[in-house]
Amino acid sequence: MSVTERILPALMAVVYGALLIAAWGFTSLITDTDVITEVDAGPLLGPAMGLAAVLVTWASLWRVRAGGGVWQLGVLAAASSWFAMLIVGGIGYSLTRGDFTWVLLFAGKYAVSPFLLVPAVLAGVVVVLEKPLIGRSPGAKSFDPR
C-alpha cells in the first residue's frame, strides 16, 4: 500500500469539508436564510455539525480504502453524516437552551433542511468517487499519464 493510498481518505475528507462549506454558502445565498436560524444557538454549533459530518465521512472513506463495498458505503456515509449533524446540532442546541427536549425539536426542524440534505448527498458522492482514485498515483502500475 502506497503513501498516496493511505493519505487519500484524509485528503478526500478535506475536499468534503470544503464542499460542505461551499454548499452551506450557496444554499444560504439561494434561500436567503442562515444555516442555523436560532439566534441563541451560538457561533460554534454550525461548525461543530460540519466537523461531525467530516469525521463520519472520513470513516467511510477509510472503509472504502480498506476494501468495502463502495455503493453501500456511499449510502451509509450520506445517512451517517445527516444523522451526525442532527445529533450534534440537537445536543449542542439543547445544551445552550438547558433543556434536553430541544434535541428532538431541533432534529424535527432540521431533518429536511437543505443545509443537512445537500451535505449528506455530497458525503455519499465523495465516498463513491474515492474508489476510482485508489491506485491512480504516479507510483502505481495502473497510472497512465496520457
N, C-alpha and C. Protein backbone atom coordinates (compact mmCIF):
# COMPACT_ATOMS: atom_id res chain seq x y z
N MET A 1 0.84 -1.17 0.00
CA MET A 1 0.00 0.00 0.00
C MET A 1 0.89 1.24 0.00
N SER A 2 0.63 2.13 -0.93
CA SER A 2 1.47 3.31 -1.08
C SER A 2 1.04 4.41 -0.11
N VAL A 3 1.89 5.40 0.00
CA VAL A 3 1.59 6.54 0.86
C VAL A 3 0.36 7.27 0.36
N THR A 4 0.21 7.36 -0.94
CA THR A 4 -0.95 8.04 -1.53
C THR A 4 -2.25 7.35 -1.13
N GLU A 5 -2.25 6.04 -1.15
CA GLU A 5 -3.46 5.31 -0.76
C GLU A 5 -3.78 5.49 0.71
N ARG A 6 -2.76 5.66 1.54
CA ARG A 6 -3.00 5.86 2.97
C ARG A 6 -3.50 7.27 3.27
N ILE A 7 -3.06 8.25 2.51
CA ILE A 7 -3.43 9.63 2.79
C ILE A 7 -4.70 10.06 2.03
N LEU A 8 -5.11 9.28 1.05
CA LEU A 8 -6.26 9.65 0.23
C LEU A 8 -7.55 9.86 1.04
N PRO A 9 -7.88 9.03 2.03
CA PRO A 9 -9.10 9.32 2.81
C PRO A 9 -9.05 10.67 3.51
N ALA A 10 -7.89 11.05 4.03
CA ALA A 10 -7.78 12.35 4.70
C ALA A 10 -7.95 13.49 3.69
N LEU A 11 -7.34 13.35 2.53
CA LEU A 11 -7.46 14.40 1.52
C LEU A 11 -8.90 14.51 1.00
N MET A 12 -9.55 13.38 0.82
CA MET A 12 -10.95 13.41 0.37
C MET A 12 -11.86 13.98 1.46
N ALA A 13 -11.53 13.75 2.73
CA ALA A 13 -12.32 14.34 3.82
C ALA A 13 -12.16 15.86 3.83
N VAL A 14 -10.96 16.34 3.53
CA VAL A 14 -10.75 17.79 3.44
C VAL A 14 -11.54 18.36 2.27
N VAL A 15 -11.55 17.66 1.15
CA VAL A 15 -12.35 18.09 -0.01
C VAL A 15 -13.83 18.12 0.38
N TYR A 16 -14.27 17.11 1.11
CA TYR A 16 -15.67 17.10 1.55
C TYR A 16 -15.97 18.28 2.46
N GLY A 17 -15.04 18.60 3.37
CA GLY A 17 -15.23 19.77 4.23
C GLY A 17 -15.37 21.05 3.44
N ALA A 18 -14.56 21.20 2.40
CA ALA A 18 -14.66 22.38 1.54
C ALA A 18 -15.99 22.39 0.78
N LEU A 19 -16.41 21.23 0.30
CA LEU A 19 -17.71 21.15 -0.39
C LEU A 19 -18.85 21.46 0.56
N LEU A 20 -18.75 21.02 1.81
CA LEU A 20 -19.78 21.29 2.80
C LEU A 20 -19.91 22.79 3.05
N ILE A 21 -18.78 23.45 3.22
CA ILE A 21 -18.80 24.90 3.44
C ILE A 21 -19.37 25.62 2.22
N ALA A 22 -18.96 25.21 1.03
CA ALA A 22 -19.49 25.83 -0.19
C ALA A 22 -20.98 25.57 -0.33
N ALA A 23 -21.41 24.35 -0.03
CA ALA A 23 -22.83 24.02 -0.13
C ALA A 23 -23.66 24.85 0.84
N TRP A 24 -23.16 25.00 2.06
CA TRP A 24 -23.87 25.84 3.03
C TRP A 24 -23.91 27.29 2.55
N GLY A 25 -22.83 27.78 1.97
CA GLY A 25 -22.80 29.16 1.49
C GLY A 25 -23.77 29.40 0.35
N PHE A 26 -23.74 28.52 -0.65
CA PHE A 26 -24.64 28.69 -1.78
C PHE A 26 -26.10 28.48 -1.39
N THR A 27 -26.36 27.51 -0.52
CA THR A 27 -27.73 27.28 -0.06
C THR A 27 -28.23 28.47 0.73
N SER A 28 -27.35 29.05 1.53
CA SER A 28 -27.73 30.24 2.29
C SER A 28 -28.03 31.42 1.37
N LEU A 29 -27.24 31.56 0.31
CA LEU A 29 -27.49 32.64 -0.65
C LEU A 29 -28.79 32.43 -1.41
N ILE A 30 -29.04 31.20 -1.82
CA ILE A 30 -30.23 30.91 -2.61
C ILE A 30 -31.50 31.05 -1.78
N THR A 31 -31.48 30.52 -0.54
CA THR A 31 -32.68 30.55 0.29
C THR A 31 -32.79 31.80 1.14
N ASP A 32 -31.74 32.61 1.19
CA ASP A 32 -31.69 33.84 1.99
C ASP A 32 -31.99 33.57 3.46
N THR A 33 -31.41 32.47 3.98
CA THR A 33 -31.53 32.13 5.40
C THR A 33 -30.15 31.73 5.93
N ASP A 34 -30.05 31.75 7.24
CA ASP A 34 -28.83 31.28 7.88
C ASP A 34 -28.85 29.75 7.99
N VAL A 35 -27.68 29.17 8.16
CA VAL A 35 -27.60 27.72 8.32
C VAL A 35 -28.35 27.32 9.58
N ILE A 36 -28.09 27.99 10.68
CA ILE A 36 -28.80 27.78 11.93
C ILE A 36 -29.59 29.06 12.21
N THR A 37 -30.91 28.96 12.18
CA THR A 37 -31.73 30.17 12.30
C THR A 37 -31.98 30.60 13.74
N GLU A 38 -31.68 29.75 14.70
CA GLU A 38 -31.86 30.11 16.10
C GLU A 38 -30.77 31.10 16.50
N VAL A 39 -31.16 32.27 16.95
CA VAL A 39 -30.18 33.31 17.28
C VAL A 39 -29.42 33.00 18.56
N ASP A 40 -29.99 32.18 19.44
CA ASP A 40 -29.32 31.86 20.69
C ASP A 40 -28.47 30.59 20.60
N ALA A 41 -28.27 30.07 19.40
CA ALA A 41 -27.51 28.82 19.24
C ALA A 41 -26.01 29.01 19.45
N GLY A 42 -25.51 30.18 19.19
CA GLY A 42 -24.09 30.42 19.35
C GLY A 42 -23.35 30.22 18.03
N PRO A 43 -22.13 30.72 17.95
CA PRO A 43 -21.39 30.67 16.69
C PRO A 43 -20.71 29.34 16.39
N LEU A 44 -20.68 28.41 17.33
CA LEU A 44 -19.94 27.16 17.12
C LEU A 44 -20.82 25.97 16.78
N LEU A 45 -22.12 26.13 16.80
CA LEU A 45 -23.00 24.99 16.54
C LEU A 45 -22.89 24.50 15.10
N GLY A 46 -22.92 25.41 14.14
CA GLY A 46 -22.78 25.02 12.73
C GLY A 46 -21.44 24.37 12.43
N PRO A 47 -20.32 24.97 12.87
CA PRO A 47 -19.02 24.31 12.64
C PRO A 47 -18.90 22.96 13.34
N ALA A 48 -19.52 22.80 14.51
CA ALA A 48 -19.48 21.50 15.18
C ALA A 48 -20.25 20.45 14.38
N MET A 49 -21.37 20.86 13.82
CA MET A 49 -22.14 19.94 12.98
C MET A 49 -21.34 19.56 11.73
N GLY A 50 -20.68 20.55 11.13
CA GLY A 50 -19.85 20.28 9.96
C GLY A 50 -18.69 19.36 10.28
N LEU A 51 -18.05 19.56 11.42
CA LEU A 51 -16.95 18.70 11.83
C LEU A 51 -17.42 17.27 12.05
N ALA A 52 -18.59 17.10 12.63
CA ALA A 52 -19.14 15.75 12.82
C ALA A 52 -19.36 15.07 11.47
N ALA A 53 -19.88 15.81 10.51
CA ALA A 53 -20.12 15.23 9.19
C ALA A 53 -18.80 14.87 8.50
N VAL A 54 -17.79 15.70 8.66
CA VAL A 54 -16.48 15.42 8.05
C VAL A 54 -15.87 14.17 8.68
N LEU A 55 -15.96 14.03 10.00
CA LEU A 55 -15.38 12.86 10.66
C LEU A 55 -16.09 11.56 10.26
N VAL A 56 -17.41 11.62 10.15
CA VAL A 56 -18.16 10.43 9.73
C VAL A 56 -17.82 10.08 8.28
N THR A 57 -17.70 11.08 7.44
CA THR A 57 -17.34 10.84 6.04
C THR A 57 -15.93 10.29 5.93
N TRP A 58 -15.01 10.81 6.74
CA TRP A 58 -13.64 10.28 6.75
C TRP A 58 -13.63 8.80 7.13
N ALA A 59 -14.44 8.41 8.11
CA ALA A 59 -14.51 7.00 8.50
C ALA A 59 -15.01 6.14 7.35
N SER A 60 -15.99 6.63 6.61
CA SER A 60 -16.49 5.88 5.45
C SER A 60 -15.44 5.81 4.34
N LEU A 61 -14.70 6.89 4.14
CA LEU A 61 -13.64 6.90 3.14
C LEU A 61 -12.55 5.89 3.51
N TRP A 62 -12.25 5.78 4.78
CA TRP A 62 -11.24 4.81 5.23
C TRP A 62 -11.70 3.39 4.97
N ARG A 63 -13.00 3.13 5.15
CA ARG A 63 -13.53 1.79 4.88
C ARG A 63 -13.48 1.45 3.39
N VAL A 64 -13.70 2.43 2.53
CA VAL A 64 -13.60 2.19 1.09
C VAL A 64 -12.17 1.81 0.73
N ARG A 65 -11.20 2.51 1.30
CA ARG A 65 -9.79 2.22 1.04
C ARG A 65 -9.44 0.82 1.53
N ALA A 66 -10.08 0.39 2.60
CA ALA A 66 -9.81 -0.94 3.14
C ALA A 66 -10.49 -2.04 2.34
N GLY A 67 -11.32 -1.68 1.40
CA GLY A 67 -11.92 -2.68 0.52
C GLY A 67 -13.40 -2.92 0.72
N GLY A 68 -14.12 -1.98 1.26
CA GLY A 68 -15.56 -2.15 1.44
C GLY A 68 -16.33 -1.89 0.15
N GLY A 69 -17.60 -2.27 0.15
CA GLY A 69 -18.46 -2.02 -1.00
C GLY A 69 -18.73 -0.54 -1.14
N VAL A 70 -18.40 0.01 -2.29
CA VAL A 70 -18.41 1.47 -2.45
C VAL A 70 -19.83 2.04 -2.45
N TRP A 71 -20.78 1.39 -3.08
CA TRP A 71 -22.14 1.93 -3.14
C TRP A 71 -22.81 1.86 -1.78
N GLN A 72 -22.61 0.75 -1.08
CA GLN A 72 -23.20 0.63 0.25
C GLN A 72 -22.58 1.66 1.20
N LEU A 73 -21.27 1.84 1.10
CA LEU A 73 -20.61 2.82 1.96
C LEU A 73 -20.98 4.25 1.59
N GLY A 74 -21.27 4.50 0.32
CA GLY A 74 -21.74 5.82 -0.08
C GLY A 74 -23.08 6.16 0.54
N VAL A 75 -23.99 5.21 0.52
CA VAL A 75 -25.31 5.42 1.14
C VAL A 75 -25.15 5.54 2.66
N LEU A 76 -24.29 4.70 3.22
CA LEU A 76 -24.04 4.76 4.66
C LEU A 76 -23.41 6.10 5.05
N ALA A 77 -22.50 6.61 4.24
CA ALA A 77 -21.88 7.90 4.53
C ALA A 77 -22.91 9.03 4.48
N ALA A 78 -23.79 8.98 3.49
CA ALA A 78 -24.83 10.01 3.38
C ALA A 78 -25.75 9.98 4.60
N ALA A 79 -26.21 8.80 4.95
CA ALA A 79 -27.11 8.68 6.11
C ALA A 79 -26.39 9.02 7.41
N SER A 80 -25.16 8.59 7.54
CA SER A 80 -24.41 8.83 8.78
C SER A 80 -24.07 10.31 8.96
N SER A 81 -23.70 10.97 7.89
CA SER A 81 -23.39 12.40 8.02
C SER A 81 -24.64 13.21 8.35
N TRP A 82 -25.76 12.84 7.74
CA TRP A 82 -27.03 13.50 8.05
C TRP A 82 -27.39 13.30 9.51
N PHE A 83 -27.27 12.05 9.97
CA PHE A 83 -27.61 11.73 11.36
C PHE A 83 -26.65 12.39 12.34
N ALA A 84 -25.36 12.41 12.01
CA ALA A 84 -24.37 13.04 12.89
C ALA A 84 -24.63 14.53 13.03
N MET A 85 -24.96 15.19 11.92
CA MET A 85 -25.26 16.62 12.00
C MET A 85 -26.51 16.87 12.85
N LEU A 86 -27.52 16.02 12.72
CA LEU A 86 -28.73 16.18 13.53
C LEU A 86 -28.43 15.98 15.01
N ILE A 87 -27.69 14.94 15.33
CA ILE A 87 -27.40 14.63 16.74
C ILE A 87 -26.54 15.72 17.37
N VAL A 88 -25.45 16.10 16.69
CA VAL A 88 -24.57 17.13 17.24
C VAL A 88 -25.30 18.46 17.35
N GLY A 89 -26.07 18.81 16.34
CA GLY A 89 -26.84 20.05 16.40
C GLY A 89 -27.88 20.03 17.50
N GLY A 90 -28.59 18.92 17.63
CA GLY A 90 -29.62 18.81 18.67
C GLY A 90 -29.04 18.87 20.07
N ILE A 91 -27.96 18.13 20.29
CA ILE A 91 -27.33 18.13 21.61
C ILE A 91 -26.72 19.50 21.91
N GLY A 92 -26.05 20.07 20.91
CA GLY A 92 -25.45 21.39 21.12
C GLY A 92 -26.49 22.46 21.43
N TYR A 93 -27.59 22.44 20.71
CA TYR A 93 -28.62 23.45 20.97
C TYR A 93 -29.34 23.19 22.29
N SER A 94 -29.54 21.93 22.64
CA SER A 94 -30.18 21.64 23.92
C SER A 94 -29.29 22.05 25.08
N LEU A 95 -27.97 21.95 24.93
CA LEU A 95 -27.07 22.43 25.98
C LEU A 95 -27.16 23.95 26.12
N THR A 96 -27.32 24.63 24.99
CA THR A 96 -27.47 26.08 25.02
C THR A 96 -28.78 26.49 25.72
N ARG A 97 -29.83 25.78 25.41
CA ARG A 97 -31.15 26.11 25.99
C ARG A 97 -31.32 25.56 27.40
N GLY A 98 -30.55 24.56 27.78
CA GLY A 98 -30.68 23.98 29.11
C GLY A 98 -31.84 23.03 29.25
N ASP A 99 -32.35 22.53 28.14
CA ASP A 99 -33.49 21.61 28.16
C ASP A 99 -33.25 20.54 27.10
N PHE A 100 -33.24 19.28 27.53
CA PHE A 100 -32.89 18.20 26.62
C PHE A 100 -33.97 17.90 25.58
N THR A 101 -35.18 18.42 25.76
CA THR A 101 -36.24 18.19 24.77
C THR A 101 -35.91 18.89 23.45
N TRP A 102 -34.99 19.84 23.48
CA TRP A 102 -34.61 20.54 22.25
C TRP A 102 -33.84 19.65 21.29
N VAL A 103 -33.35 18.51 21.76
CA VAL A 103 -32.72 17.56 20.83
C VAL A 103 -33.74 17.11 19.79
N LEU A 104 -34.92 16.72 20.25
CA LEU A 104 -35.96 16.28 19.33
C LEU A 104 -36.54 17.42 18.52
N LEU A 105 -36.73 18.57 19.16
CA LEU A 105 -37.28 19.72 18.44
C LEU A 105 -36.32 20.22 17.36
N PHE A 106 -35.03 20.26 17.68
CA PHE A 106 -34.03 20.68 16.70
C PHE A 106 -33.97 19.68 15.54
N ALA A 107 -33.96 18.38 15.90
CA ALA A 107 -33.91 17.35 14.86
C ALA A 107 -35.15 17.40 13.96
N GLY A 108 -36.31 17.64 14.56
CA GLY A 108 -37.53 17.73 13.76
C GLY A 108 -37.53 18.92 12.82
N LYS A 109 -36.94 20.03 13.26
CA LYS A 109 -36.91 21.22 12.42
C LYS A 109 -35.91 21.10 11.28
N TYR A 110 -34.74 20.50 11.53
CA TYR A 110 -33.68 20.49 10.54
C TYR A 110 -33.55 19.18 9.76
N ALA A 111 -34.38 18.20 10.03
CA ALA A 111 -34.25 16.90 9.37
C ALA A 111 -34.40 17.00 7.85
N VAL A 112 -35.26 17.86 7.37
CA VAL A 112 -35.47 18.00 5.92
C VAL A 112 -34.91 19.32 5.40
N SER A 113 -34.06 19.93 6.18
CA SER A 113 -33.45 21.20 5.77
C SER A 113 -32.42 20.95 4.66
N PRO A 114 -32.36 21.83 3.68
CA PRO A 114 -31.34 21.66 2.64
C PRO A 114 -29.92 21.81 3.20
N PHE A 115 -29.79 22.44 4.37
CA PHE A 115 -28.48 22.58 4.99
C PHE A 115 -27.97 21.26 5.55
N LEU A 116 -28.83 20.26 5.68
CA LEU A 116 -28.40 18.93 6.09
C LEU A 116 -28.49 17.94 4.94
N LEU A 117 -29.47 18.10 4.07
CA LEU A 117 -29.65 17.14 2.98
C LEU A 117 -28.57 17.27 1.91
N VAL A 118 -28.21 18.49 1.54
CA VAL A 118 -27.18 18.68 0.50
C VAL A 118 -25.82 18.15 0.95
N PRO A 119 -25.35 18.47 2.16
CA PRO A 119 -24.08 17.89 2.60
C PRO A 119 -24.13 16.36 2.73
N ALA A 120 -25.29 15.82 3.08
CA ALA A 120 -25.40 14.36 3.17
C ALA A 120 -25.23 13.73 1.79
N VAL A 121 -25.86 14.30 0.79
CA VAL A 121 -25.70 13.78 -0.58
C VAL A 121 -24.24 13.93 -1.04
N LEU A 122 -23.63 15.05 -0.71
CA LEU A 122 -22.22 15.26 -1.08
C LEU A 122 -21.31 14.26 -0.40
N ALA A 123 -21.63 13.87 0.83
CA ALA A 123 -20.82 12.85 1.51
C ALA A 123 -20.87 11.53 0.75
N GLY A 124 -22.05 11.15 0.31
CA GLY A 124 -22.17 9.92 -0.47
C GLY A 124 -21.42 9.99 -1.78
N VAL A 125 -21.49 11.14 -2.45
CA VAL A 125 -20.79 11.32 -3.73
C VAL A 125 -19.28 11.24 -3.54
N VAL A 126 -18.77 11.89 -2.50
CA VAL A 126 -17.32 11.88 -2.25
C VAL A 126 -16.84 10.47 -1.95
N VAL A 127 -17.61 9.72 -1.19
CA VAL A 127 -17.21 8.34 -0.86
C VAL A 127 -17.21 7.47 -2.12
N VAL A 128 -18.22 7.62 -2.96
CA VAL A 128 -18.28 6.82 -4.19
C VAL A 128 -17.14 7.20 -5.14
N LEU A 129 -16.79 8.48 -5.19
CA LEU A 129 -15.74 8.92 -6.11
C LEU A 129 -14.32 8.60 -5.63
N GLU A 130 -14.18 8.14 -4.39
CA GLU A 130 -12.84 7.78 -3.92
C GLU A 130 -12.33 6.51 -4.58
N LYS A 131 -13.21 5.56 -4.82
CA LYS A 131 -12.78 4.26 -5.36
C LYS A 131 -12.00 4.37 -6.67
N PRO A 132 -12.43 5.18 -7.64
CA PRO A 132 -11.63 5.28 -8.88
C PRO A 132 -10.27 5.92 -8.66
N LEU A 133 -10.10 6.67 -7.59
CA LEU A 133 -8.82 7.34 -7.35
C LEU A 133 -7.79 6.43 -6.68
N ILE A 134 -8.23 5.36 -6.05
CA ILE A 134 -7.29 4.46 -5.39
C ILE A 134 -6.45 3.75 -6.45
N GLY A 135 -5.15 3.85 -6.30
CA GLY A 135 -4.24 3.19 -7.24
C GLY A 135 -3.91 4.02 -8.47
N ARG A 136 -4.28 5.28 -8.49
CA ARG A 136 -4.00 6.13 -9.65
C ARG A 136 -2.86 7.09 -9.40
N SER A 137 -2.04 6.81 -8.41
CA SER A 137 -0.90 7.68 -8.14
C SER A 137 0.21 7.43 -9.16
N PRO A 138 1.14 8.36 -9.32
CA PRO A 138 2.22 8.17 -10.29
C PRO A 138 3.06 6.93 -10.01
N GLY A 139 3.14 6.48 -8.78
CA GLY A 139 3.92 5.29 -8.46
C GLY A 139 3.17 4.00 -8.70
N ALA A 140 1.87 4.07 -8.92
CA ALA A 140 1.08 2.86 -9.13
C ALA A 140 1.26 2.34 -10.55
N LYS A 141 1.10 1.03 -10.70
CA LYS A 141 1.28 0.42 -12.02
C LYS A 141 0.17 0.78 -13.00
N SER A 142 -1.00 1.15 -12.49
CA SER A 142 -2.11 1.47 -13.38
C SER A 142 -2.09 2.92 -13.85
N PHE A 143 -1.10 3.67 -13.44
CA PHE A 143 -1.04 5.08 -13.81
C PHE A 143 -0.60 5.23 -15.26
N ASP A 144 -1.37 6.00 -16.03
CA ASP A 144 -1.07 6.27 -17.41
C ASP A 144 -1.18 7.77 -17.64
N PRO A 145 -0.08 8.47 -17.80
CA PRO A 145 -0.12 9.95 -17.91
C PRO A 145 -0.73 10.46 -19.21
N ARG A 146 -1.01 9.60 -20.18
CA ARG A 146 -1.56 10.09 -21.45
C ARG A 146 -2.95 10.46 -21.34
